[in-house]
Amino acid sequence: MPGMAEEPNPSPRPYHSTRENLWKIIFEAETRAGKLFDVILLLAIGLSVVAVMLESIDTVSARWGTHLKVAEWFFTILFMGEYFLRIWLVRRPARYIFSFFGIIDFLSWIPTFLAVFLGGSQSLVVIRILRLLRMFRVLKMLEHVRGANIILRGLMASRAKITVFFFAMVVLAIIMGTVAYILESGQPESGFENIPVSVYWAVVTVTTLGYGDIAPVTVAGKFLAAFCVLIGYCIIAVPTGIVIGETFNAALNRQDETTDACPSCGVHGHLLDARYCRRCGEKLNDREGPDPTLHTGDGEVI
């Protein structure tokens, strides 16, 4: 009304809600709080793995077994709470649950509960050491993350060639093992008792491992062993050349990547100009303006 002072406009609602800030802390390493959270998490993972390893030592377990059990349950509850918190924060929980890190996060705490019903399964919690892969993002080791992604892409692109190479090696080992059995069977003190054992020897010899538990005694068998070693040196270089060649070509045609996490599935490693997640296709957050982490396309807040 005229003559009356106008009420001040209400202060605008801040862009970052509590849930949105939690998402940035847990899934991103850009802020000080986010990096601190990840460093504490990595420290907890390392300590929990050490506790499991110490528990496997009889003398240590006999003296500190109770303390190690308490520590293990503490870390298990901690990782379980963090796992469900991640599920609550992402837009599409199923995409995070079935992602690589989602599965690793689940396996980091479930074995302790399984150990209550299945004896010995508690030792599987050492799988949580795989969560230390997050250290590359926390420490800003972008080149290492990029290199790992390039290798994985190269392996996926070469999977058909690697499959053919694998079966070729299987056939070669069977042939070499059969020939070795024919040459060595019946000889005194010969370890080539049957064809499966001979195939095992061929695999060990072709891969140049050379355990020495089985060795040919005939001249022909020794020549065959030398031939297997030479063949092994030649063959091992083939898949290496395939993978390295394709991965380096991919690296030359690839742009730099960021540490930004997808708000839907939590995956990292997107290109600088990426607008959508490379894995689930969800739209990524804008770098400027309001953070749409917790909003759907129709404006609904999740």
Protein backbone atom coordinates (compact mmCIF):
# COMPACT_ATOMS: atom_id res chain seq x y z
CA MET A 1 0.00 0.00 0.00
CA PRO A 2 1.14 3.64 -0.59
CA GLY A 3 3.04 5.13 2.28
CA MET A 4 3.97 1.78 3.75
CA ALA A 5 7.48 0.48 3.62
CA GLU A 6 7.91 -2.46 1.32
CA GLU A 7 8.90 -5.71 2.95
CA PRO A 8 12.37 -6.78 2.02
CA ASN A 9 12.58 -9.61 -0.46
CA PRO A 10 13.33 -12.95 1.16
CA SER A 11 16.90 -14.02 0.76
CA PRO A 12 17.32 -16.35 -2.17
CA ARG A 13 17.64 -20.01 -1.38
CA PRO A 14 21.25 -21.13 -1.63
CA TYR A 15 22.11 -23.38 -4.52
CA HIS A 16 23.85 -25.96 -2.39
CA SER A 17 21.62 -27.95 -0.07
CA THR A 18 23.00 -30.20 2.64
CA ARG A 19 22.51 -33.27 0.48
CA GLU A 20 24.18 -31.58 -2.45
CA ASN A 21 27.16 -30.56 -0.33
CA LEU A 22 27.46 -34.14 0.93
CA TRP A 23 27.53 -35.35 -2.67
CA LYS A 24 30.39 -33.01 -3.48
CA ILE A 25 32.35 -34.14 -0.43
CA ILE A 26 31.90 -37.86 -1.07
CA PHE A 27 32.10 -38.03 -4.86
CA GLU A 28 34.44 -35.14 -5.66
CA ALA A 29 37.99 -34.34 -4.60
CA GLU A 30 38.02 -30.72 -5.74
CA THR A 31 37.23 -29.13 -2.38
CA ARG A 32 39.27 -29.30 0.81
CA ALA A 33 36.48 -31.19 2.56
CA GLY A 34 36.21 -33.66 -0.31
CA LYS A 35 39.93 -34.36 -0.34
CA LEU A 36 39.97 -34.72 3.45
CA PHE A 37 37.10 -37.22 3.29
CA ASP A 38 38.88 -39.30 0.66
CA VAL A 39 42.18 -39.24 2.53
CA ILE A 40 40.47 -40.41 5.74
CA LEU A 41 38.64 -43.10 3.76
CA LEU A 42 41.88 -44.34 2.19
CA LEU A 43 43.52 -44.42 5.61
CA ALA A 44 40.63 -46.46 6.99
CA ILE A 45 40.87 -48.88 4.07
CA GLY A 46 44.58 -49.35 4.62
CA LEU A 47 44.20 -49.90 8.36
CA SER A 48 41.37 -52.38 7.86
CA VAL A 49 43.44 -54.41 5.40
CA VAL A 50 46.37 -54.43 7.85
CA ALA A 51 44.02 -55.63 10.60
CA VAL A 52 42.84 -58.55 8.46
CA MET A 53 46.41 -59.49 7.57
CA LEU A 54 47.52 -59.38 11.20
CA GLU A 55 44.57 -61.53 12.24
CA SER A 56 45.85 -64.30 9.95
CA ILE A 57 49.08 -64.52 12.02
CA ASP A 58 48.51 -67.01 14.83
CA THR A 59 50.77 -65.34 17.39
CA VAL A 60 49.28 -61.91 16.78
CA SER A 61 45.73 -63.24 16.73
CA ALA A 62 46.23 -65.09 20.02
CA ARG A 63 47.28 -61.88 21.79
CA TRP A 64 45.31 -59.17 20.00
CA GLY A 65 42.47 -61.17 18.47
CA THR A 66 39.71 -59.40 20.39
CA HIS A 67 41.03 -55.94 19.50
CA LEU A 68 41.38 -56.91 15.85
CA LYS A 69 37.80 -58.23 15.79
CA VAL A 70 36.50 -54.96 17.24
CA ALA A 71 38.53 -52.99 14.69
CA GLU A 72 37.23 -55.12 11.85
CA TRP A 73 33.59 -54.59 12.86
CA PHE A 74 34.23 -50.88 13.27
CA PHE A 75 35.61 -50.59 9.74
CA THR A 76 32.85 -52.81 8.37
CA ILE A 77 30.09 -50.63 9.83
CA LEU A 78 31.94 -47.53 8.63
CA PHE A 79 32.19 -48.81 5.04
CA MET A 80 28.61 -50.09 5.10
CA GLY A 81 27.34 -46.66 6.16
CA GLU A 82 29.41 -44.96 3.48
CA TYR A 83 28.10 -47.41 0.86
CA PHE A 84 24.44 -46.72 1.63
CA LEU A 85 25.16 -42.99 1.86
CA ARG A 86 26.53 -43.09 -1.69
CA ILE A 87 23.39 -44.92 -2.83
CA TRP A 88 21.23 -42.24 -1.21
CA LEU A 89 23.15 -39.38 -2.83
CA VAL A 90 23.33 -40.47 -6.48
CA ARG A 91 20.50 -39.83 -8.91
CA ARG A 92 20.32 -43.40 -10.19
CA PRO A 93 21.27 -45.80 -7.38
CA ALA A 94 21.18 -48.90 -9.60
CA ARG A 95 23.84 -47.45 -11.89
CA TYR A 96 26.18 -46.88 -8.98
CA ILE A 97 25.42 -50.27 -7.38
CA PHE A 98 26.38 -52.18 -10.54
CA SER A 99 29.34 -49.98 -11.44
CA PHE A 100 32.92 -51.15 -10.81
CA PHE A 101 33.42 -49.09 -7.67
CA GLY A 102 29.89 -49.82 -6.52
CA ILE A 103 30.61 -53.56 -6.54
CA ILE A 104 33.98 -53.03 -4.83
CA ASP A 105 32.35 -50.83 -2.19
CA PHE A 106 29.77 -53.56 -1.54
CA LEU A 107 32.43 -56.27 -1.29
CA SER A 108 34.39 -54.16 1.18
CA TRP A 109 31.90 -54.81 4.00
CA ILE A 110 29.64 -57.76 3.14
CA PRO A 111 32.25 -60.54 3.81
CA THR A 112 32.34 -59.67 7.51
CA PHE A 113 28.62 -60.39 7.78
CA LEU A 114 28.98 -63.54 5.69
CA ALA A 115 31.67 -64.75 8.08
CA VAL A 116 28.99 -65.01 10.76
CA PHE A 117 27.32 -67.76 8.73
CA LEU A 118 30.20 -69.00 6.54
CA GLY A 119 33.50 -69.66 8.24
CA GLY A 120 36.59 -68.28 6.54
CA SER A 121 34.80 -65.78 4.30
CA GLN A 122 35.99 -62.90 6.48
CA SER A 123 39.40 -63.06 4.84
CA LEU A 124 37.71 -61.87 1.64
CA VAL A 125 37.57 -58.36 3.08
CA VAL A 126 41.07 -57.83 1.71
CA ILE A 127 39.20 -57.14 -1.52
CA ARG A 128 38.61 -53.68 -0.10
CA ILE A 129 42.24 -52.86 -0.92
CA LEU A 130 40.96 -52.35 -4.47
CA ARG A 131 39.26 -49.24 -3.15
CA LEU A 132 42.71 -47.70 -2.89
CA LEU A 133 42.37 -47.11 -6.62
CA ARG A 134 40.57 -43.95 -5.57
CA MET A 135 43.93 -42.52 -4.51
CA PHE A 136 44.67 -41.59 -8.14
CA ARG A 137 41.73 -39.18 -8.12
CA VAL A 138 42.44 -37.85 -4.63
CA LEU A 139 46.08 -37.11 -5.36
CA LYS A 140 45.23 -35.54 -8.71
CA MET A 141 47.26 -38.14 -10.57
CA LEU A 142 45.29 -37.49 -13.75
CA GLU A 143 47.95 -38.93 -16.01
CA HIS A 144 47.79 -42.23 -14.12
CA VAL A 145 44.00 -42.29 -14.34
CA ARG A 146 44.14 -41.44 -18.02
CA GLY A 147 46.78 -44.09 -18.62
CA ALA A 148 44.70 -46.74 -16.87
CA ASN A 149 41.65 -45.79 -18.92
CA ILE A 150 43.67 -45.95 -22.14
CA ILE A 151 44.92 -49.43 -21.30
CA LEU A 152 41.41 -50.63 -20.48
CA ARG A 153 40.04 -49.19 -23.72
CA GLY A 154 42.87 -50.82 -25.64
CA LEU A 155 42.18 -54.19 -24.04
CA MET A 156 38.47 -53.92 -24.82
CA ALA A 157 39.23 -52.95 -28.43
CA SER A 158 41.63 -55.90 -28.74
CA ARG A 159 39.45 -58.48 -26.98
CA ALA A 160 38.74 -60.40 -30.20
CA LYS A 161 42.45 -60.65 -31.03
CA ILE A 162 43.33 -61.57 -27.47
CA THR A 163 40.66 -64.29 -27.48
CA VAL A 164 42.08 -65.78 -30.68
CA PHE A 165 45.59 -65.59 -29.24
CA PHE A 166 44.47 -67.31 -26.03
CA PHE A 167 42.90 -70.26 -27.82
CA ALA A 168 45.93 -70.49 -30.12
CA MET A 169 48.11 -70.79 -27.01
CA VAL A 170 45.83 -73.51 -25.64
CA VAL A 171 46.09 -75.49 -28.86
CA LEU A 172 49.87 -75.03 -28.97
CA ALA A 173 50.24 -76.21 -25.36
CA ILE A 174 48.13 -79.30 -26.06
CA ILE A 175 50.19 -80.18 -29.13
CA MET A 176 53.53 -79.59 -27.40
CA GLY A 177 52.40 -81.50 -24.32
CA THR A 178 51.25 -84.45 -26.40
CA VAL A 179 54.54 -84.57 -28.30
CA ALA A 180 56.47 -84.34 -25.02
CA TYR A 181 54.43 -87.23 -23.62
CA ILE A 182 55.22 -89.36 -26.67
CA LEU A 183 58.94 -88.59 -26.37
CA GLU A 184 59.28 -88.89 -22.60
CA SER A 185 56.74 -91.46 -21.45
CA GLY A 186 58.28 -94.74 -20.39
CA GLN A 187 61.63 -93.21 -19.63
CA PRO A 188 63.12 -93.87 -16.16
CA GLU A 189 62.57 -91.03 -13.69
CA SER A 190 60.37 -89.22 -16.19
CA GLY A 191 57.70 -86.92 -14.78
CA PHE A 192 55.58 -87.07 -17.94
CA GLU A 193 53.10 -89.54 -16.49
CA ASN A 194 50.15 -88.57 -18.70
CA ILE A 195 49.08 -86.03 -21.29
CA PRO A 196 47.48 -83.51 -18.85
CA VAL A 197 50.72 -83.39 -16.85
CA SER A 198 52.65 -82.97 -20.09
CA VAL A 199 50.35 -80.14 -21.16
CA TYR A 200 51.02 -78.46 -17.81
CA TRP A 201 54.75 -78.74 -18.52
CA ALA A 202 54.23 -77.23 -21.98
CA VAL A 203 52.33 -74.24 -20.54
CA VAL A 204 55.03 -73.61 -17.95
CA THR A 205 57.76 -73.93 -20.59
CA VAL A 206 56.14 -71.81 -23.31
CA THR A 207 55.49 -69.00 -20.83
CA THR A 208 59.16 -69.28 -19.75
CA LEU A 209 58.23 -69.79 -16.09
CA GLY A 210 60.34 -72.93 -15.80
CA TYR A 211 59.39 -74.32 -12.39
CA GLY A 212 61.70 -77.29 -12.87
CA ASP A 213 59.38 -79.80 -11.20
CA ILE A 214 59.19 -81.71 -14.51
CA ALA A 215 62.08 -81.89 -16.97
CA PRO A 216 62.75 -83.97 -20.09
CA VAL A 217 65.47 -86.60 -19.94
CA THR A 218 65.78 -87.58 -23.60
CA VAL A 219 67.72 -85.59 -26.18
CA ALA A 220 64.59 -85.11 -28.30
CA GLY A 221 62.68 -83.93 -25.25
CA LYS A 222 65.35 -81.37 -24.42
CA PHE A 223 65.29 -80.02 -27.98
CA LEU A 224 61.51 -79.77 -27.70
CA ALA A 225 61.86 -77.82 -24.43
CA ALA A 226 64.30 -75.39 -26.06
CA PHE A 227 61.92 -74.97 -29.00
CA CYS A 228 59.03 -74.25 -26.62
CA VAL A 229 61.05 -71.54 -24.85
CA LEU A 230 61.97 -69.86 -28.14
CA ILE A 231 58.36 -70.05 -29.33
CA GLY A 232 57.27 -68.53 -26.02
CA TYR A 233 59.57 -65.51 -26.41
CA CYS A 234 58.20 -64.89 -29.91
CA ILE A 235 54.56 -65.33 -29.00
CA ILE A 236 54.55 -63.19 -25.86
CA ALA A 237 55.59 -60.15 -27.91
CA VAL A 238 52.53 -60.43 -30.19
CA PRO A 239 49.71 -59.41 -27.79
CA THR A 240 51.99 -56.79 -26.23
CA GLY A 241 52.44 -55.15 -29.64
CA ILE A 242 48.72 -55.30 -30.33
CA VAL A 243 47.71 -53.69 -27.04
CA ILE A 244 50.48 -51.07 -26.96
CA GLY A 245 49.88 -50.06 -30.58
CA GLU A 246 46.15 -49.61 -30.18
CA THR A 247 46.36 -47.90 -26.80
CA PHE A 248 48.96 -45.39 -27.96
CA ASN A 249 46.89 -44.58 -31.04
CA ALA A 250 43.91 -44.03 -28.75
CA ALA A 251 46.02 -41.78 -26.52
CA LEU A 252 47.04 -39.55 -29.42
CA ASN A 253 43.42 -39.02 -30.42
CA ARG A 254 42.13 -38.55 -26.89
CA GLN A 255 41.62 -35.29 -25.02
CA ASP A 256 42.48 -34.66 -21.39
CA GLU A 257 40.09 -35.94 -18.76
CA THR A 258 38.70 -34.43 -15.58
CA THR A 259 38.09 -35.81 -12.10
CA ASP A 260 34.43 -34.75 -12.14
CA ALA A 261 32.06 -37.49 -11.01
CA CYS A 262 28.79 -38.33 -12.73
CA PRO A 263 25.91 -37.40 -10.39
CA SER A 264 24.02 -40.48 -11.54
CA CYS A 265 26.50 -43.36 -11.28
CA GLY A 266 29.58 -41.70 -9.74
CA VAL A 267 32.01 -42.66 -12.50
CA HIS A 268 35.00 -40.39 -13.23
CA GLY A 269 37.24 -39.77 -16.26
CA HIS A 270 35.10 -37.54 -18.48
CA LEU A 271 36.50 -35.34 -21.23
CA LEU A 272 36.83 -31.62 -20.61
CA ASP A 273 33.95 -30.75 -22.93
CA ALA A 274 31.74 -33.74 -22.03
CA ARG A 275 28.08 -32.94 -21.34
CA TYR A 276 26.89 -36.48 -20.68
CA CYS A 277 28.33 -39.36 -18.69
CA ARG A 278 30.53 -41.69 -20.71
CA ARG A 279 28.98 -44.74 -19.02
CA CYS A 280 25.32 -44.12 -18.19
CA GLY A 281 24.51 -41.17 -20.49
CA GLU A 282 23.23 -38.95 -17.68
CA LYS A 283 23.71 -35.21 -18.13
CA LEU A 284 26.71 -33.92 -16.21
CA ASN A 285 26.70 -30.84 -13.99
CA ASP A 286 27.38 -27.45 -15.54
CA ARG A 287 30.66 -25.86 -14.52
CA GLU A 288 29.03 -22.50 -13.90
CA GLY A 289 25.80 -21.47 -12.26
CA PRO A 290 23.53 -23.56 -10.06
CA ASP A 291 24.56 -27.10 -9.43
CA PRO A 292 21.78 -29.38 -10.73
CA THR A 293 23.08 -32.42 -8.91
CA LEU A 294 19.88 -33.12 -7.08
CA HIS A 295 17.37 -32.08 -9.71
CA THR A 296 15.67 -34.08 -12.41
CA GLY A 297 14.74 -32.80 -15.83
CA ASP A 298 11.23 -31.69 -14.80
CA GLY A 299 12.47 -29.62 -11.88
CA GLU A 300 11.70 -32.19 -9.21
CA VAL A 301 14.20 -32.32 -6.39
CA ILE A 302 15.36 -35.85 -5.56
